[in-house]
Each structure stands twice: as structure tokens, then as C-alpha cells.
Amino acid sequence: MKAIRIHHFGGPDVLSYEDVPDPVPHEGEWLVRVRAVGVNPVDTYVRSGTYGAAIATPYIPGTEISGEVLDGPAAGRRVFCLGTTGPRHTGCYAELVTVKPTDAYELPAHLSFEQGAAVPVAYATAYRGLFERGGLQPGQTVLIHGASGGVGSAAVQLAAAAGAIVLGTASSDAGREQVRLDGASAVFDHKSPDYMHEIARHTASRGVDLILEMLASTNLDRDLDLLAHAGRIVVVGSRGKIEIDPRKTMARETSITGVMLWSGGDASLRRAFAAIEAGLANRSLRPVVGDVFDLKDAALAHQRVMQDASRGKVVLRV
């Protein structure tokens, strides 16, 4: 089969499109023909060697796929999958993968394979950030930074479906329109120097109950000024360090917490995917696909996923 392999850590140019042996499923595993692969910022961190996970080279990168089961009683089933039977963050940039049935979920007929590949990481991360770590309740106000990206778009849809008042930020006209379509009641341009003041005015200076933060290394200190009493910030992503004033947390008794997809354990993932499957089935969740690249062009996808003004999920078509 064809796959992308990484023989040594480095820039996007280390992504090598080559022939590799077909994977062989063990008893109780499924062999899946991959149709699309989700591309995530963490894939680039692992590729560059800056991520903490210890992965031996050479390896096939990737964490999420959609495709068709090829063997056993489930043959022909359309699925989306979180992970393969290999180590975490490996194995998905390929034509074939082996998966555990417990990591595979039904892909509804009305969704494309590209949409299926946009689901596992983005929606499960957004669900855990909003509800398990952020404690979002119906009627509360949530601000989602980077709301036009993969996790951001998923978070807007999940929060709106749960009855929250959703505010979002995005840097392009197309991105802001997408955030509105996803269910946000107001959208702000985070490239504007006054956008934080605009958000404060929009909430009549009350502030927001929850902020889902995709770039804490830029926004975290300013986020603290936007919180209502007992407001929370959930850090989904950060690309470096930032200095904050801890006194901002005191008078309003606010809190900062983090979320990482797998850190909640299997029970947390089961809860997330139960909600996600229900939302996909009733069409309240509508995965947004942005740029689509062929598998051989994975290097271009890695460059794109780290650029600003993203809209939807970056996907590899297999």
C-alpha cells in the first residue's frame, strides 16, 4: 500500500510518500480501507520532534480516519475512527489501517468520507473542553477563539445545540460567515485591535462564562479581562509561553484549566462519542471540511494546518 512515512524528525519535507507493507489485523481487529484522513496541528508537533510522545522512527503519522471496513461481519460498514491499533499519533496517513472496533463509529450516509475524517479529534476535543472541563450549561455565554477552524467549528455547533449563547472569533470574512452558519450569535475579527473591547460591549461588560482558547500563548492574559464572575478558561492549544497577571483571577474568582483529548480516559471518550454520534444522526452537528489535499501532498497539508485564517478541517483524500 501507499503511505506517508517519517524517517527522521524535521519540517514538512520529511513526509515521504512511499510503498509500505499492508497491515495485518490480529484477532478482534478490523482492516479498514482509508478514504480520508484528518490533519491536526499535533501531527506537525510530533513530526518536528517537539511533542512529548516518544515515537520511534520510521513511523506513519496520523490520528483519525474515515473509510470502509474490509473484513468480517462488519465488512462494507462506513466508519470514522479515532486512532489505529498502533501507538498513539501513528498509522493513519495510509491506504489501509487496522483498528479496534471500539474505536470505530458509524459514519451516517449523509456525510462524506472527508466529513467523517473531520470528526474524531475536533469534536471529541471540543466536547471535553466545553462540557467536561468547562462545565458549560444551557443559557451560559461561551466565547470560542479560532471558531472557524476544525475544533472551533465543532465547538460552536456543540455549544449552540446545547442551548448556550455562542460568541466566536475568526480572521477572515469567509471564516466569520462560517461561524455564523455553525450557530454563533455574534462573531468578531480577532485581527482587529479593538475586538476584545467589542466583545466586552456585546456582553454589556458582564463578561462571558466560558472561553475556549485555541492560542493561549497569545490571548490568555487578555482573556482574563473578559470573564464573568466564576468564569472559566479552557486551554485547547498553545504555541509557547505567556506572562499573565494572576490577580485578575481573584476578585471574580475565575479559573484556568486545560484539556487534552486522551487525558480523560476511555470513559470520557465514550461519553463524548455518544453525544457526537447523536448529533451527527440528528444533523445538529455538521462537520466543516476546509482544504483537501491528496495523500502524497501531506507536506502541503502540514503547512496549511499551521496557517492563520483556517476554515474547517484540513483533510487528506486517499
C-alpha atoms as a PDB file:
ATOM      1  CA  MET A   1       0.000   0.000   0.000  1.00  0.00           C
ATOM      2  CA  LYS A   2       0.960   3.661  -0.247  1.00  0.00           C
ATOM      3  CA  ALA A   3       1.567   5.635   2.919  1.00  0.00           C
ATOM      4  CA  ILE A   4       3.370   8.642   4.299  1.00  0.00           C
ATOM      5  CA  ARG A   5       6.360   7.758   6.453  1.00  0.00           C
ATOM      6  CA  ILE A   6       8.695   9.844   8.576  1.00  0.00           C
ATOM      7  CA  HIS A   7      12.256   8.537   8.862  1.00  0.00           C
ATOM      8  CA  HIS A   8      13.608  11.418  10.954  1.00  0.00           C
ATOM      9  CA  PHE A   9      12.033  14.412  12.689  1.00  0.00           C
ATOM     10  CA  GLY A  10      12.012  17.777  10.971  1.00  0.00           C
ATOM     11  CA  GLY A  11       9.998  20.079   8.715  1.00  0.00           C
ATOM     12  CA  PRO A  12       7.211  19.144   6.306  1.00  0.00           C
ATOM     13  CA  ASP A  13       9.793  17.900   3.801  1.00  0.00           C
ATOM     14  CA  VAL A  14      10.424  14.782   5.938  1.00  0.00           C
ATOM     15  CA  LEU A  15       6.965  13.436   4.975  1.00  0.00           C
ATOM     16  CA  SER A  16       7.824  10.698   2.464  1.00  0.00           C
ATOM     17  CA  TYR A  17       5.209   9.131   0.152  1.00  0.00           C
ATOM     18  CA  GLU A  18       6.250   5.516  -0.342  1.00  0.00           C
ATOM     19  CA  ASP A  19       5.282   1.844  -0.578  1.00  0.00           C
ATOM     20  CA  VAL A  20       4.974   0.003   2.729  1.00  0.00           C
ATOM     21  CA  PRO A  21       3.662  -3.467   3.657  1.00  0.00           C
ATOM     22  CA  ASP A  22      -0.080  -3.824   4.161  1.00  0.00           C
ATOM     23  CA  PRO A  23      -1.071  -4.015   7.835  1.00  0.00           C
ATOM     24  CA  VAL A  24      -2.366  -7.391   9.038  1.00  0.00           C
ATOM     25  CA  PRO A  25      -5.208  -7.313  11.579  1.00  0.00           C
ATOM     26  CA  HIS A  26      -4.970  -9.526  14.642  1.00  0.00           C
ATOM     27  CA  GLU A  27      -7.947 -11.406  16.035  1.00  0.00           C
ATOM     28  CA  GLY A  28     -10.698  -8.994  17.026  1.00  0.00           C
ATOM     29  CA  GLU A  29      -9.350  -6.129  14.889  1.00  0.00           C
ATOM     30  CA  TRP A  30     -10.779  -4.624  11.709  1.00  0.00           C
ATOM     31  CA  LEU A  31      -8.958  -3.842   8.489  1.00  0.00           C
ATOM     32  CA  VAL A  32     -10.213  -0.531   7.089  1.00  0.00           C
ATOM     33  CA  ARG A  33      -9.774   0.906   3.623  1.00  0.00           C
ATOM     34  CA  VAL A  34      -8.939   4.555   4.319  1.00  0.00           C
ATOM     35  CA  ARG A  35     -10.811   7.140   2.279  1.00  0.00           C
ATOM     36  CA  ALA A  36      -9.851  10.317   4.139  1.00  0.00           C
ATOM     37  CA  VAL A  37      -7.511  11.374   6.947  1.00  0.00           C
ATOM     38  CA  GLY A  38      -7.839  14.284   9.342  1.00  0.00           C
ATOM     39  CA  VAL A  39      -4.795  16.543   9.701  1.00  0.00           C
ATOM     40  CA  ASN A  40      -4.180  18.167  13.091  1.00  0.00           C
ATOM     41  CA  PRO A  41      -1.636  20.622  14.486  1.00  0.00           C
ATOM     42  CA  VAL A  42      -0.413  17.888  16.831  1.00  0.00           C
ATOM     43  CA  ASP A  43       0.654  15.892  13.760  1.00  0.00           C
ATOM     44  CA  THR A  44       3.113  18.677  12.951  1.00  0.00           C
ATOM     45  CA  TYR A  45       4.386  18.837  16.529  1.00  0.00           C
ATOM     46  CA  VAL A  46       5.098  15.093  16.552  1.00  0.00           C
ATOM     47  CA  ARG A  47       6.705  15.290  13.093  1.00  0.00           C
ATOM     48  CA  SER A  48       9.033  18.100  14.209  1.00  0.00           C
ATOM     49  CA  GLY A  49      10.142  16.208  17.331  1.00  0.00           C
ATOM     50  CA  THR A  50       8.873  18.893  19.715  1.00  0.00           C
ATOM     51  CA  TYR A  51       5.983  16.821  21.088  1.00  0.00           C
ATOM     52  CA  GLY A  52       6.458  14.843  24.272  1.00  0.00           C
ATOM     53  CA  ALA A  53       5.286  11.490  22.888  1.00  0.00           C
ATOM     54  CA  ALA A  54       8.131   9.016  22.364  1.00  0.00           C
ATOM     55  CA  ILE A  55       7.644   7.662  18.842  1.00  0.00           C
ATOM     56  CA  ALA A  56      10.278   5.540  17.129  1.00  0.00           C
ATOM     57  CA  THR A  57      11.129   6.271  13.504  1.00  0.00           C
ATOM     58  CA  PRO A  58      10.280   5.397  10.835  1.00  0.00           C
ATOM     59  CA  TYR A  59       6.586   5.805  11.509  1.00  0.00           C
ATOM     60  CA  ILE A  60       3.342   6.595   9.693  1.00  0.00           C
ATOM     61  CA  PRO A  61       1.760   9.730  11.216  1.00  0.00           C
ATOM     62  CA  GLY A  62      -1.884  10.493  11.913  1.00  0.00           C
ATOM     63  CA  THR A  63      -4.644  10.014  14.468  1.00  0.00           C
ATOM     64  CA  GLU A  64      -8.022   9.871  12.673  1.00  0.00           C
ATOM     65  CA  ILE A  65      -9.517   8.390   9.519  1.00  0.00           C
ATOM     66  CA  SER A  66     -12.743   7.536   7.786  1.00  0.00           C
ATOM     67  CA  GLY A  67     -13.251   4.627   5.437  1.00  0.00           C
ATOM     68  CA  GLU A  68     -14.842   1.220   4.892  1.00  0.00           C
ATOM     69  CA  VAL A  69     -14.381  -1.980   6.886  1.00  0.00           C
ATOM     70  CA  LEU A  70     -12.969  -4.687   4.604  1.00  0.00           C
ATOM     71  CA  ASP A  71     -13.345  -7.909   6.597  1.00  0.00           C
ATOM     72  CA  GLY A  72     -15.598  -9.865   8.931  1.00  0.00           C
ATOM     73  CA  PRO A  73     -19.281  -9.344   9.726  1.00  0.00           C
ATOM     74  CA  ALA A  74     -18.811  -5.562   9.604  1.00  0.00           C
ATOM     75  CA  ALA A  75     -17.462  -5.617   6.028  1.00  0.00           C
ATOM     76  CA  GLY A  76     -18.751  -2.695   3.991  1.00  0.00           C
ATOM     77  CA  ARG A  77     -19.607  -0.543   7.008  1.00  0.00           C
ATOM     78  CA  ARG A  78     -18.735   3.155   6.653  1.00  0.00           C
ATOM     79  CA  VAL A  79     -16.867   4.289   9.765  1.00  0.00           C
ATOM     80  CA  PHE A  80     -14.818   7.080  11.255  1.00  0.00           C
ATOM     81  CA  CYS A  81     -12.089   6.063  13.677  1.00  0.00           C
ATOM     82  CA  LEU A  82     -10.014   7.616  16.429  1.00  0.00           C
ATOM     83  CA  GLY A  83      -6.582   6.024  16.280  1.00  0.00           C
ATOM     84  CA  THR A  84      -5.271   2.738  14.936  1.00  0.00           C
ATOM     85  CA  THR A  85      -4.029  -0.366  16.731  1.00  0.00           C
ATOM     86  CA  GLY A  86      -0.518   1.137  16.744  1.00  0.00           C
ATOM     87  CA  PRO A  87       0.945   3.698  19.149  1.00  0.00           C
ATOM     88  CA  ARG A  88      -0.953   6.930  19.627  1.00  0.00           C
ATOM     89  CA  HIS A  89      -0.489   9.556  16.854  1.00  0.00           C
ATOM     90  CA  THR A  90       0.618   6.913  14.342  1.00  0.00           C
ATOM     91  CA  GLY A  91      -0.651   4.893  11.440  1.00  0.00           C
ATOM     92  CA  CYS A  92      -3.361   6.933   9.703  1.00  0.00           C
ATOM     93  CA  TYR A  93      -1.663   8.551   6.671  1.00  0.00           C
ATOM     94  CA  ALA A  94      -2.069   5.326   4.691  1.00  0.00           C
ATOM     95  CA  GLU A  95      -4.343   3.415   2.329  1.00  0.00           C
ATOM     96  CA  LEU A  96      -5.084   0.700   4.915  1.00  0.00           C
ATOM     97  CA  VAL A  97      -5.208   0.667   8.723  1.00  0.00           C
ATOM     98  CA  THR A  98      -6.134  -1.790  11.448  1.00  0.00           C
ATOM     99  CA  VAL A  99      -8.449  -0.533  14.186  1.00  0.00           C
ATOM    100  CA  LYS A 100     -10.163  -1.775  17.314  1.00  0.00           C
ATOM    101  CA  PRO A 101     -13.936  -1.996  16.805  1.00  0.00           C
ATOM    102  CA  THR A 102     -14.369   0.077  19.980  1.00  0.00           C
ATOM    103  CA  ASP A 103     -12.501   2.949  18.270  1.00  0.00           C
ATOM    104  CA  ALA A 104     -14.734   2.880  15.162  1.00  0.00           C
ATOM    105  CA  TYR A 105     -18.043   4.738  14.877  1.00  0.00           C
ATOM    106  CA  GLU A 106     -20.820   4.657  12.304  1.00  0.00           C
ATOM    107  CA  LEU A 107     -20.486   7.282   9.569  1.00  0.00           C
ATOM    108  CA  PRO A 108     -24.022   8.370   8.587  1.00  0.00           C
ATOM    109  CA  ALA A 109     -24.884   8.022   4.905  1.00  0.00           C
ATOM    110  CA  HIS A 110     -25.499  11.761   4.520  1.00  0.00           C
ATOM    111  CA  LEU A 111     -21.873  12.576   5.400  1.00  0.00           C
ATOM    112  CA  SER A 112     -18.915  12.304   3.031  1.00  0.00           C
ATOM    113  CA  PHE A 113     -15.724  10.476   3.953  1.00  0.00           C
ATOM    114  CA  GLU A 114     -13.969  13.848   4.121  1.00  0.00           C
ATOM    115  CA  GLN A 115     -16.532  14.987   6.680  1.00  0.00           C
ATOM    116  CA  GLY A 116     -16.062  11.745   8.600  1.00  0.00           C
ATOM    117  CA  ALA A 117     -12.322  12.358   8.869  1.00  0.00           C
ATOM    118  CA  ALA A 118     -13.095  15.798  10.300  1.00  0.00           C
ATOM    119  CA  VAL A 119     -14.983  14.361  13.275  1.00  0.00           C
ATOM    120  CA  PRO A 120     -12.940  12.341  15.809  1.00  0.00           C
ATOM    121  CA  VAL A 121     -10.274  14.698  17.169  1.00  0.00           C
ATOM    122  CA  ALA A 122     -12.068  18.014  16.647  1.00  0.00           C
ATOM    123  CA  TYR A 123     -15.474  17.070  18.021  1.00  0.00           C
ATOM    124  CA  ALA A 124     -14.229  14.964  20.921  1.00  0.00           C
ATOM    125  CA  THR A 125     -11.765  17.670  21.964  1.00  0.00           C
ATOM    126  CA  ALA A 126     -14.455  20.339  21.707  1.00  0.00           C
ATOM    127  CA  TYR A 127     -16.943  18.239  23.692  1.00  0.00           C
ATOM    128  CA  ARG A 128     -14.480  17.561  26.501  1.00  0.00           C
ATOM    129  CA  GLY A 129     -13.376  21.216  26.603  1.00  0.00           C
ATOM    130  CA  LEU A 130     -16.888  22.638  26.669  1.00  0.00           C
ATOM    131  CA  PHE A 131     -18.727  20.246  28.939  1.00  0.00           C
ATOM    132  CA  GLU A 132     -16.323  18.094  30.935  1.00  0.00           C
ATOM    133  CA  ARG A 133     -13.593  20.649  31.653  1.00  0.00           C
ATOM    134  CA  GLY A 134     -15.558  23.850  31.060  1.00  0.00           C
ATOM    135  CA  GLY A 135     -18.844  22.852  32.706  1.00  0.00           C
ATOM    136  CA  LEU A 136     -20.889  24.730  30.098  1.00  0.00           C
ATOM    137  CA  GLN A 137     -24.612  24.948  30.917  1.00  0.00           C
ATOM    138  CA  PRO A 138     -27.608  25.978  28.776  1.00  0.00           C
ATOM    139  CA  GLY A 139     -28.070  29.752  28.771  1.00  0.00           C
ATOM    140  CA  GLN A 140     -24.436  30.494  29.600  1.00  0.00           C
ATOM    141  CA  THR A 141     -22.265  32.549  27.267  1.00  0.00           C
ATOM    142  CA  VAL A 142     -19.216  30.919  25.701  1.00  0.00           C
ATOM    143  CA  LEU A 143     -16.512  32.635  23.637  1.00  0.00           C
ATOM    144  CA  ILE A 144     -14.727  30.370  21.175  1.00  0.00           C
ATOM    145  CA  HIS A 145     -11.450  31.712  19.834  1.00  0.00           C
ATOM    146  CA  GLY A 146     -10.466  30.470  16.375  1.00  0.00           C
ATOM    147  CA  ALA A 147     -14.074  29.435  15.833  1.00  0.00           C
ATOM    148  CA  SER A 148     -13.710  28.797  12.099  1.00  0.00           C
ATOM    149  CA  GLY A 149     -11.070  26.073  12.483  1.00  0.00           C
ATOM    150  CA  GLY A 150     -11.622  22.367  12.995  1.00  0.00           C
ATOM    151  CA  VAL A 151     -12.025  22.318  16.789  1.00  0.00           C
ATOM    152  CA  GLY A 152     -13.590  25.790  16.806  1.00  0.00           C
ATOM    153  CA  SER A 153     -16.298  24.893  14.294  1.00  0.00           C
ATOM    154  CA  ALA A 154     -17.108  21.713  16.216  1.00  0.00           C
ATOM    155  CA  ALA A 155     -17.292  23.679  19.473  1.00  0.00           C
ATOM    156  CA  VAL A 156     -19.677  26.282  18.033  1.00  0.00           C
ATOM    157  CA  GLN A 157     -22.041  23.570  16.824  1.00  0.00           C
ATOM    158  CA  LEU A 158     -21.905  21.576  20.071  1.00  0.00           C
ATOM    159  CA  ALA A 159     -22.414  24.646  22.270  1.00  0.00           C
ATOM    160  CA  ALA A 160     -25.278  26.005  20.157  1.00  0.00           C
ATOM    161  CA  ALA A 161     -27.006  22.610  20.162  1.00  0.00           C
ATOM    162  CA  ALA A 162     -26.728  22.556  23.980  1.00  0.00           C
ATOM    163  CA  GLY A 163     -28.519  25.892  24.345  1.00  0.00           C
ATOM    164  CA  ALA A 164     -25.531  28.121  25.072  1.00  0.00           C
ATOM    165  CA  ILE A 165     -25.107  31.682  23.797  1.00  0.00           C
ATOM    166  CA  VAL A 166     -22.146  31.359  21.440  1.00  0.00           C
ATOM    167  CA  LEU A 167     -19.660  34.092  20.525  1.00  0.00           C
ATOM    168  CA  GLY A 168     -16.820  33.357  18.140  1.00  0.00           C
ATOM    169  CA  THR A 169     -13.719  34.910  16.620  1.00  0.00           C
ATOM    170  CA  ALA A 170     -12.246  34.417  13.152  1.00  0.00           C
ATOM    171  CA  SER A 171      -9.890  36.453  10.997  1.00  0.00           C
ATOM    172  CA  SER A 172     -11.473  36.213   7.530  1.00  0.00           C
ATOM    173  CA  ASP A 173     -14.842  37.188   6.095  1.00  0.00           C
ATOM    174  CA  ALA A 174     -15.431  33.608   4.921  1.00  0.00           C
ATOM    175  CA  GLY A 175     -14.442  32.248   8.310  1.00  0.00           C
ATOM    176  CA  ARG A 176     -16.774  34.592  10.177  1.00  0.00           C
ATOM    177  CA  GLU A 177     -19.656  33.683   7.886  1.00  0.00           C
ATOM    178  CA  GLN A 178     -18.985  30.001   8.570  1.00  0.00           C
ATOM    179  CA  VAL A 179     -19.047  30.641  12.333  1.00  0.00           C
ATOM    180  CA  ARG A 180     -22.473  32.290  11.979  1.00  0.00           C
ATOM    181  CA  LEU A 181     -23.747  29.339   9.963  1.00  0.00           C
ATOM    182  CA  ASP A 182     -22.474  26.994  12.671  1.00  0.00           C
ATOM    183  CA  GLY A 183     -24.694  28.730  15.217  1.00  0.00           C
ATOM    184  CA  ALA A 184     -22.833  31.676  16.781  1.00  0.00           C
ATOM    185  CA  SER A 185     -24.983  34.686  17.701  1.00  0.00           C
ATOM    186  CA  ALA A 186     -22.089  37.131  17.247  1.00  0.00           C
ATOM    187  CA  VAL A 187     -18.690  36.860  15.543  1.00  0.00           C
ATOM    188  CA  PHE A 188     -15.648  39.116  15.937  1.00  0.00           C
ATOM    189  CA  ASP A 189     -12.497  39.715  13.895  1.00  0.00           C
ATOM    190  CA  HIS A 190      -9.562  38.774  16.115  1.00  0.00           C
ATOM    191  CA  LYS A 191      -7.244  40.690  13.802  1.00  0.00           C
ATOM    192  CA  SER A 192      -8.982  43.921  14.851  1.00  0.00           C
ATOM    193  CA  PRO A 193      -7.102  45.771  17.639  1.00  0.00           C
ATOM    194  CA  ASP A 194     -10.379  46.551  19.407  1.00  0.00           C
ATOM    195  CA  TYR A 195     -12.079  43.165  19.213  1.00  0.00           C
ATOM    196  CA  MET A 196     -11.730  42.422  22.936  1.00  0.00           C
ATOM    197  CA  HIS A 197     -13.484  45.713  23.730  1.00  0.00           C
ATOM    198  CA  GLU A 198     -16.179  44.842  21.189  1.00  0.00           C
ATOM    199  CA  ILE A 199     -16.807  41.532  22.973  1.00  0.00           C
ATOM    200  CA  ALA A 200     -16.993  43.298  26.354  1.00  0.00           C
ATOM    201  CA  ARG A 201     -19.502  45.801  24.966  1.00  0.00           C
ATOM    202  CA  HIS A 202     -21.540  42.992  23.440  1.00  0.00           C
ATOM    203  CA  THR A 203     -21.946  41.371  26.875  1.00  0.00           C
ATOM    204  CA  ALA A 204     -22.776  44.761  28.482  1.00  0.00           C
ATOM    205  CA  SER A 205     -19.498  44.399  30.410  1.00  0.00           C
ATOM    206  CA  ARG A 206     -20.874  41.358  32.255  1.00  0.00           C
ATOM    207  CA  GLY A 207     -18.317  39.122  30.569  1.00  0.00           C
ATOM    208  CA  VAL A 208     -18.523  35.543  29.372  1.00  0.00           C
ATOM    209  CA  ASP A 209     -18.947  32.385  31.423  1.00  0.00           C
ATOM    210  CA  LEU A 210     -16.515  30.261  29.439  1.00  0.00           C
ATOM    211  CA  ILE A 211     -13.704  30.833  26.945  1.00  0.00           C
ATOM    212  CA  LEU A 212     -12.420  28.002  24.765  1.00  0.00           C
ATOM    213  CA  GLU A 213      -8.892  29.116  23.931  1.00  0.00           C
ATOM    214  CA  MET A 214      -7.055  27.750  20.880  1.00  0.00           C
ATOM    215  CA  LEU A 215      -3.983  30.015  21.164  1.00  0.00           C
ATOM    216  CA  ALA A 216      -3.297  30.669  24.827  1.00  0.00           C
ATOM    217  CA  SER A 217       0.247  31.856  24.096  1.00  0.00           C
ATOM    218  CA  THR A 218      -1.287  34.976  22.510  1.00  0.00           C
ATOM    219  CA  ASN A 219      -4.619  35.522  24.245  1.00  0.00           C
ATOM    220  CA  LEU A 220      -4.576  34.178  27.785  1.00  0.00           C
ATOM    221  CA  ASP A 221      -3.871  37.372  29.754  1.00  0.00           C
ATOM    222  CA  ARG A 222      -6.456  39.342  27.748  1.00  0.00           C
ATOM    223  CA  ASP A 223      -8.959  36.522  28.159  1.00  0.00           C
ATOM    224  CA  LEU A 224      -8.916  37.048  31.922  1.00  0.00           C
ATOM    225  CA  ASP A 225     -10.353  40.549  31.394  1.00  0.00           C
ATOM    226  CA  LEU A 226     -13.385  39.106  29.562  1.00  0.00           C
ATOM    227  CA  LEU A 227     -14.618  36.641  32.164  1.00  0.00           C
ATOM    228  CA  ALA A 228     -17.798  36.988  34.189  1.00  0.00           C
ATOM    229  CA  HIS A 229     -17.830  36.108  37.888  1.00  0.00           C
ATOM    230  CA  ALA A 230     -16.743  32.462  38.297  1.00  0.00           C
ATOM    231  CA  GLY A 231     -15.859  32.378  34.595  1.00  0.00           C
ATOM    232  CA  ARG A 232     -13.596  29.681  33.215  1.00  0.00           C
ATOM    233  CA  ILE A 233     -10.939  29.452  30.529  1.00  0.00           C
ATOM    234  CA  VAL A 234     -10.220  26.071  28.954  1.00  0.00           C
ATOM    235  CA  VAL A 235      -6.908  25.935  27.094  1.00  0.00           C
ATOM    236  CA  VAL A 236      -7.146  23.758  23.992  1.00  0.00           C
ATOM    237  CA  GLY A 237      -3.970  24.939  22.270  1.00  0.00           C
ATOM    238  CA  SER A 238      -0.830  26.991  22.860  1.00  0.00           C
ATOM    239  CA  ARG A 239       2.370  27.505  20.889  1.00  0.00           C
ATOM    240  CA  GLY A 240       4.613  28.888  23.610  1.00  0.00           C
ATOM    241  CA  LYS A 241       4.758  30.702  26.932  1.00  0.00           C
ATOM    242  CA  ILE A 242       2.895  33.795  28.060  1.00  0.00           C
ATOM    243  CA  GLU A 243       3.035  36.045  31.095  1.00  0.00           C
ATOM    244  CA  ILE A 244      -0.275  36.650  32.885  1.00  0.00           C
ATOM    245  CA  ASP A 245      -1.380  38.682  35.894  1.00  0.00           C
ATOM    246  CA  PRO A 246      -2.790  36.137  38.400  1.00  0.00           C
ATOM    247  CA  ARG A 247      -4.541  38.921  40.333  1.00  0.00           C
ATOM    248  CA  LYS A 248      -7.080  39.079  37.508  1.00  0.00           C
ATOM    249  CA  THR A 249      -8.413  35.714  38.665  1.00  0.00           C
ATOM    250  CA  MET A 250      -9.076  36.804  42.239  1.00  0.00           C
ATOM    251  CA  ALA A 251     -11.928  39.320  42.542  1.00  0.00           C
ATOM    252  CA  ARG A 252     -14.114  37.462  40.039  1.00  0.00           C
ATOM    253  CA  GLU A 253     -12.909  34.045  41.263  1.00  0.00           C
ATOM    254  CA  THR A 254     -12.156  32.801  37.782  1.00  0.00           C
ATOM    255  CA  SER A 255     -10.203  29.729  36.784  1.00  0.00           C
ATOM    256  CA  ILE A 256      -7.919  28.430  34.049  1.00  0.00           C
ATOM    257  CA  THR A 257      -7.798  24.761  33.127  1.00  0.00           C
ATOM    258  CA  GLY A 258      -6.517  22.689  30.238  1.00  0.00           C
ATOM    259  CA  VAL A 259      -7.855  19.871  28.107  1.00  0.00           C
ATOM    260  CA  MET A 260      -6.141  17.141  26.116  1.00  0.00           C
ATOM    261  CA  LEU A 261      -8.195  14.648  24.186  1.00  0.00           C
ATOM    262  CA  TRP A 262      -6.965  11.388  25.721  1.00  0.00           C
ATOM    263  CA  SER A 263      -6.256  12.631  29.234  1.00  0.00           C
ATOM    264  CA  GLY A 264      -9.808  11.990  30.447  1.00  0.00           C
ATOM    265  CA  GLY A 265      -9.540   8.250  29.800  1.00  0.00           C
ATOM    266  CA  ASP A 266     -11.787   5.799  27.999  1.00  0.00           C
ATOM    267  CA  ALA A 267     -14.953   6.635  29.934  1.00  0.00           C
ATOM    268  CA  SER A 268     -14.668  10.294  28.964  1.00  0.00           C
ATOM    269  CA  LEU A 269     -14.200   9.400  25.296  1.00  0.00           C
ATOM    270  CA  ARG A 270     -17.242   7.115  25.386  1.00  0.00           C
ATOM    271  CA  ARG A 271     -19.378   9.964  26.723  1.00  0.00           C
ATOM    272  CA  ALA A 272     -18.044  12.350  24.084  1.00  0.00           C
ATOM    273  CA  PHE A 273     -18.667   9.998  21.177  1.00  0.00           C
ATOM    274  CA  ALA A 274     -22.142   9.075  22.399  1.00  0.00           C
ATOM    275  CA  ALA A 275     -23.048  12.758  22.175  1.00  0.00           C
ATOM    276  CA  ILE A 276     -21.252  13.166  18.853  1.00  0.00           C
ATOM    277  CA  GLU A 277     -22.965  10.179  17.220  1.00  0.00           C
ATOM    278  CA  ALA A 278     -26.347  11.502  18.337  1.00  0.00           C
ATOM    279  CA  GLY A 279     -25.588  14.965  16.960  1.00  0.00           C
ATOM    280  CA  LEU A 280     -24.416  13.587  13.621  1.00  0.00           C
ATOM    281  CA  ALA A 281     -27.521  11.431  13.348  1.00  0.00           C
ATOM    282  CA  ASN A 282     -29.956  14.282  14.068  1.00  0.00           C
ATOM    283  CA  ARG A 283     -27.851  16.661  11.908  1.00  0.00           C
ATOM    284  CA  SER A 284     -27.278  19.259  14.614  1.00  0.00           C
ATOM    285  CA  LEU A 285     -23.574  18.558  14.033  1.00  0.00           C
ATOM    286  CA  ARG A 286     -22.336  19.267  10.514  1.00  0.00           C
ATOM    287  CA  PRO A 287     -18.584  18.711  10.021  1.00  0.00           C
ATOM    288  CA  VAL A 288     -16.980  21.507   8.002  1.00  0.00           C
ATOM    289  CA  VAL A 289     -14.185  20.497   5.641  1.00  0.00           C
ATOM    290  CA  GLY A 290     -11.721  23.151   4.559  1.00  0.00           C
ATOM    291  CA  ASP A 291      -8.727  22.417   2.354  1.00  0.00           C
ATOM    292  CA  VAL A 292      -8.433  18.894   0.934  1.00  0.00           C
ATOM    293  CA  PHE A 293      -5.097  17.512  -0.272  1.00  0.00           C
ATOM    294  CA  ASP A 294      -4.123  14.210  -1.866  1.00  0.00           C
ATOM    295  CA  LEU A 295      -2.226  11.847   0.433  1.00  0.00           C
ATOM    296  CA  LYS A 296       1.006  12.388  -1.496  1.00  0.00           C
ATOM    297  CA  ASP A 297       0.731  16.117  -0.741  1.00  0.00           C
ATOM    298  CA  ALA A 298       0.751  15.700   3.039  1.00  0.00           C
ATOM    299  CA  ALA A 299       3.571  18.251   3.316  1.00  0.00           C
ATOM    300  CA  LEU A 300       1.282  20.936   1.894  1.00  0.00           C
ATOM    301  CA  ALA A 301      -1.433  19.915   4.356  1.00  0.00           C
ATOM    302  CA  HIS A 302       1.036  20.275   7.254  1.00  0.00           C
ATOM    303  CA  GLN A 303       1.876  23.777   6.111  1.00  0.00           C
ATOM    304  CA  ARG A 304      -1.788  24.707   5.755  1.00  0.00           C
ATOM    305  CA  VAL A 305      -2.942  23.444   9.134  1.00  0.00           C
ATOM    306  CA  MET A 306      -0.496  25.793  10.874  1.00  0.00           C
ATOM    307  CA  GLN A 307      -1.561  28.910   8.971  1.00  0.00           C
ATOM    308  CA  ASP A 308      -3.978  31.579  10.185  1.00  0.00           C
ATOM    309  CA  ALA A 309      -7.408  32.162   8.630  1.00  0.00           C
ATOM    310  CA  SER A 310      -8.184  28.464   8.546  1.00  0.00           C
ATOM    311  CA  ARG A 311     -11.737  27.410   7.772  1.00  0.00           C
ATOM    312  CA  GLY A 312     -12.908  23.953   8.736  1.00  0.00           C
ATOM    313  CA  LYS A 313     -10.804  20.836   8.898  1.00  0.00           C
ATOM    314  CA  VAL A 314      -7.732  20.150   6.762  1.00  0.00           C
ATOM    315  CA  VAL A 315      -8.150  16.682   5.246  1.00  0.00           C
ATOM    316  CA  LEU A 316      -6.110  14.249   3.167  1.00  0.00           C
ATOM    317  CA  ARG A 317      -8.036  12.403   0.463  1.00  0.00           C
ATOM    318  CA  VAL A 318      -6.848   8.810  -0.009  1.00  0.00           C
END
